[in-house]
Amino acid sequence: MIDKPAMVEQFEMNLQSFIYLCKARHIVPVLMTMASRFKEKPDAIVLKTIKNVGIDYQEFKELFDQFNDSIRKKARENNIMLIDLAKDIPQEKEYLYDIVHLNDKGSITAAKIIAGQLTPL
């Protein structure tokens, strides 16, 4: 059994350290969530991919979603830009060839989203 609260806490502390380091070095931090095909009702490819991870699909999805929520939270708390690919890229095989890796169409879509949000900076 995994300790999800501890994993999320460690993830958030690491994000905060990254943000502090960027600011200390006069770098503008930008956080970005990760797109995925983790849906309430997963397709066969998604289920096959996580079959040997050691936790069930629902638990894996919840943890992944919590990490993305942590990214959103840290962006809000630190008043920094968030590029929310998890919300902006459809969770379909047309955009992701497996659970998290973008295919050509997904990469082009992500590039347009990222460029569109970074251009004002």
C-alpha atoms as a PDB file:
ATOM      1  CA  MET A   1       0.000   0.000   0.000  1.00  0.00           C
ATOM      2  CA  ILE A   2       1.313   3.433  -0.881  1.00  0.00           C
ATOM      3  CA  ASP A   3       1.112   6.482   1.339  1.00  0.00           C
ATOM      4  CA  LYS A   4      -0.570   8.951  -1.027  1.00  0.00           C
ATOM      5  CA  PRO A   5      -0.704  11.875   1.428  1.00  0.00           C
ATOM      6  CA  ALA A   6       3.039  11.565   2.081  1.00  0.00           C
ATOM      7  CA  MET A   7       3.790  11.350  -1.651  1.00  0.00           C
ATOM      8  CA  VAL A   8       1.696  14.447  -2.367  1.00  0.00           C
ATOM      9  CA  GLU A   9       3.340  16.308   0.517  1.00  0.00           C
ATOM     10  CA  GLN A  10       6.822  15.461  -0.803  1.00  0.00           C
ATOM     11  CA  PHE A  11       5.790  16.455  -4.332  1.00  0.00           C
ATOM     12  CA  GLU A  12       4.501  19.825  -3.111  1.00  0.00           C
ATOM     13  CA  MET A  13       7.662  20.458  -1.090  1.00  0.00           C
ATOM     14  CA  ASN A  14       9.764  19.703  -4.170  1.00  0.00           C
ATOM     15  CA  LEU A  15       7.650  22.052  -6.287  1.00  0.00           C
ATOM     16  CA  GLN A  16       8.005  24.792  -3.698  1.00  0.00           C
ATOM     17  CA  SER A  17      11.782  24.283  -3.601  1.00  0.00           C
ATOM     18  CA  PHE A  18      11.883  24.574  -7.392  1.00  0.00           C
ATOM     19  CA  ILE A  19       9.875  27.814  -7.230  1.00  0.00           C
ATOM     20  CA  TYR A  20      12.131  29.294  -4.520  1.00  0.00           C
ATOM     21  CA  LEU A  21      15.251  28.367  -6.475  1.00  0.00           C
ATOM     22  CA  CYS A  22      13.903  29.967  -9.660  1.00  0.00           C
ATOM     23  CA  LYS A  23      13.000  33.156  -7.844  1.00  0.00           C
ATOM     24  CA  ALA A  24      16.371  33.292  -6.062  1.00  0.00           C
ATOM     25  CA  ARG A  25      18.083  33.059  -9.471  1.00  0.00           C
ATOM     26  CA  HIS A  26      15.766  35.693 -11.013  1.00  0.00           C
ATOM     27  CA  ILE A  27      14.128  33.078 -13.237  1.00  0.00           C
ATOM     28  CA  VAL A  28      10.395  33.374 -13.883  1.00  0.00           C
ATOM     29  CA  PRO A  29       8.942  30.002 -12.910  1.00  0.00           C
ATOM     30  CA  VAL A  30       6.099  28.573 -14.986  1.00  0.00           C
ATOM     31  CA  LEU A  31       4.325  25.428 -13.837  1.00  0.00           C
ATOM     32  CA  MET A  32       2.592  23.012 -16.174  1.00  0.00           C
ATOM     33  CA  THR A  33       0.253  20.121 -15.478  1.00  0.00           C
ATOM     34  CA  MET A  34       0.629  16.866 -17.341  1.00  0.00           C
ATOM     35  CA  ALA A  35      -1.961  15.680 -19.833  1.00  0.00           C
ATOM     36  CA  SER A  36      -3.053  12.066 -19.616  1.00  0.00           C
ATOM     37  CA  ARG A  37      -5.596   9.491 -20.679  1.00  0.00           C
ATOM     38  CA  PHE A  38      -6.628   8.784 -17.079  1.00  0.00           C
ATOM     39  CA  LYS A  39     -10.420   8.813 -17.323  1.00  0.00           C
ATOM     40  CA  GLU A  40     -13.091   7.474 -15.014  1.00  0.00           C
ATOM     41  CA  LYS A  41     -13.571   4.622 -17.502  1.00  0.00           C
ATOM     42  CA  PRO A  42     -10.139   3.813 -18.940  1.00  0.00           C
ATOM     43  CA  ASP A  43      -9.578   2.180 -22.296  1.00  0.00           C
ATOM     44  CA  ALA A  44      -7.709  -1.123 -22.723  1.00  0.00           C
ATOM     45  CA  ILE A  45      -4.368   0.530 -23.563  1.00  0.00           C
ATOM     46  CA  VAL A  46      -4.388   2.526 -20.348  1.00  0.00           C
ATOM     47  CA  LEU A  47      -5.301  -0.499 -18.232  1.00  0.00           C
ATOM     48  CA  LYS A  48      -2.603  -2.614 -19.897  1.00  0.00           C
ATOM     49  CA  THR A  49       0.036   0.075 -19.354  1.00  0.00           C
ATOM     50  CA  ILE A  50      -0.426   0.287 -15.580  1.00  0.00           C
ATOM     51  CA  LYS A  51      -1.128  -3.418 -15.043  1.00  0.00           C
ATOM     52  CA  ASN A  52       2.280  -4.110 -13.482  1.00  0.00           C
ATOM     53  CA  VAL A  53       2.723  -0.882 -11.509  1.00  0.00           C
ATOM     54  CA  GLY A  54       1.678  -2.395  -8.192  1.00  0.00           C
ATOM     55  CA  ILE A  55      -1.407  -0.300  -7.492  1.00  0.00           C
ATOM     56  CA  ASP A  56      -4.839  -0.467  -9.037  1.00  0.00           C
ATOM     57  CA  TYR A  57      -5.998   1.890 -11.756  1.00  0.00           C
ATOM     58  CA  GLN A  58      -8.249   4.054  -9.580  1.00  0.00           C
ATOM     59  CA  GLU A  59      -5.543   4.602  -6.981  1.00  0.00           C
ATOM     60  CA  PHE A  60      -2.996   5.465  -9.696  1.00  0.00           C
ATOM     61  CA  LYS A  61      -5.436   7.906 -11.333  1.00  0.00           C
ATOM     62  CA  GLU A  62      -6.212   9.571  -8.002  1.00  0.00           C
ATOM     63  CA  LEU A  63      -2.528  10.068  -7.250  1.00  0.00           C
ATOM     64  CA  PHE A  64      -1.843  11.436 -10.738  1.00  0.00           C
ATOM     65  CA  ASP A  65      -4.796  13.828 -10.413  1.00  0.00           C
ATOM     66  CA  GLN A  66      -3.583  14.921  -6.968  1.00  0.00           C
ATOM     67  CA  PHE A  67      -0.161  15.748  -8.393  1.00  0.00           C
ATOM     68  CA  ASN A  68      -1.767  17.907 -11.078  1.00  0.00           C
ATOM     69  CA  ASP A  69      -3.931  19.574  -8.409  1.00  0.00           C
ATOM     70  CA  SER A  70      -0.770  20.234  -6.389  1.00  0.00           C
ATOM     71  CA  ILE A  71       0.791  21.950  -9.393  1.00  0.00           C
ATOM     72  CA  ARG A  72      -2.297  24.167  -9.742  1.00  0.00           C
ATOM     73  CA  LYS A  73      -2.242  24.903  -5.996  1.00  0.00           C
ATOM     74  CA  LYS A  74       1.437  25.890  -5.960  1.00  0.00           C
ATOM     75  CA  ALA A  75       0.956  28.153  -8.987  1.00  0.00           C
ATOM     76  CA  ARG A  76      -1.930  29.880  -7.180  1.00  0.00           C
ATOM     77  CA  GLU A  77      -0.109  30.160  -3.849  1.00  0.00           C
ATOM     78  CA  ASN A  78       2.981  31.644  -5.480  1.00  0.00           C
ATOM     79  CA  ASN A  79       1.138  33.804  -8.000  1.00  0.00           C
ATOM     80  CA  ILE A  80       2.954  32.248 -10.949  1.00  0.00           C
ATOM     81  CA  MET A  81       1.835  31.193 -14.397  1.00  0.00           C
ATOM     82  CA  LEU A  82       0.175  27.829 -14.847  1.00  0.00           C
ATOM     83  CA  ILE A  83      -0.149  26.100 -18.184  1.00  0.00           C
ATOM     84  CA  ASP A  84      -2.854  23.511 -17.579  1.00  0.00           C
ATOM     85  CA  LEU A  85      -2.285  20.882 -20.253  1.00  0.00           C
ATOM     86  CA  ALA A  86      -4.278  18.390 -18.185  1.00  0.00           C
ATOM     87  CA  LYS A  87      -7.383  20.489 -18.836  1.00  0.00           C
ATOM     88  CA  ASP A  88      -6.504  21.778 -22.307  1.00  0.00           C
ATOM     89  CA  ILE A  89      -5.475  18.585 -24.106  1.00  0.00           C
ATOM     90  CA  PRO A  90      -8.244  16.053 -24.757  1.00  0.00           C
ATOM     91  CA  GLN A  91      -7.762  12.701 -23.018  1.00  0.00           C
ATOM     92  CA  GLU A  92      -7.962  10.765 -26.260  1.00  0.00           C
ATOM     93  CA  LYS A  93      -5.656   8.500 -28.243  1.00  0.00           C
ATOM     94  CA  GLU A  94      -5.689  11.113 -31.009  1.00  0.00           C
ATOM     95  CA  TYR A  95      -3.465  13.258 -28.732  1.00  0.00           C
ATOM     96  CA  LEU A  96      -1.663  10.747 -26.492  1.00  0.00           C
ATOM     97  CA  TYR A  97      -0.241   7.478 -27.754  1.00  0.00           C
ATOM     98  CA  ASP A  98      -0.188   5.933 -24.285  1.00  0.00           C
ATOM     99  CA  ILE A  99      -1.203   7.145 -20.848  1.00  0.00           C
ATOM    100  CA  VAL A 100       0.930  10.310 -20.749  1.00  0.00           C
ATOM    101  CA  HIS A 101       3.087  10.635 -23.869  1.00  0.00           C
ATOM    102  CA  LEU A 102       1.923  13.022 -26.544  1.00  0.00           C
ATOM    103  CA  ASN A 103       1.813  11.879 -30.146  1.00  0.00           C
ATOM    104  CA  ASP A 104       2.395  14.262 -33.081  1.00  0.00           C
ATOM    105  CA  LYS A 105      -1.060  15.838 -32.856  1.00  0.00           C
ATOM    106  CA  GLY A 106      -0.764  16.159 -29.078  1.00  0.00           C
ATOM    107  CA  SER A 107       2.686  17.701 -29.347  1.00  0.00           C
ATOM    108  CA  ILE A 108       1.493  20.270 -31.864  1.00  0.00           C
ATOM    109  CA  THR A 109      -1.513  21.072 -29.667  1.00  0.00           C
ATOM    110  CA  ALA A 110       0.684  21.401 -26.560  1.00  0.00           C
ATOM    111  CA  ALA A 111       3.177  23.610 -28.421  1.00  0.00           C
ATOM    112  CA  LYS A 112       0.391  25.964 -29.508  1.00  0.00           C
ATOM    113  CA  ILE A 113      -1.007  26.145 -25.962  1.00  0.00           C
ATOM    114  CA  ILE A 114       2.421  26.741 -24.406  1.00  0.00           C
ATOM    115  CA  ALA A 115       3.493  29.310 -26.999  1.00  0.00           C
ATOM    116  CA  GLY A 116       0.191  31.119 -26.693  1.00  0.00           C
ATOM    117  CA  GLN A 117       0.566  31.481 -22.949  1.00  0.00           C
ATOM    118  CA  LEU A 118       4.292  32.257 -22.903  1.00  0.00           C
ATOM    119  CA  THR A 119       4.207  34.854 -25.686  1.00  0.00           C
ATOM    120  CA  PRO A 120       3.020  37.658 -23.365  1.00  0.00           C
ATOM    121  CA  LEU A 121       6.051  37.033 -21.110  1.00  0.00           C
END
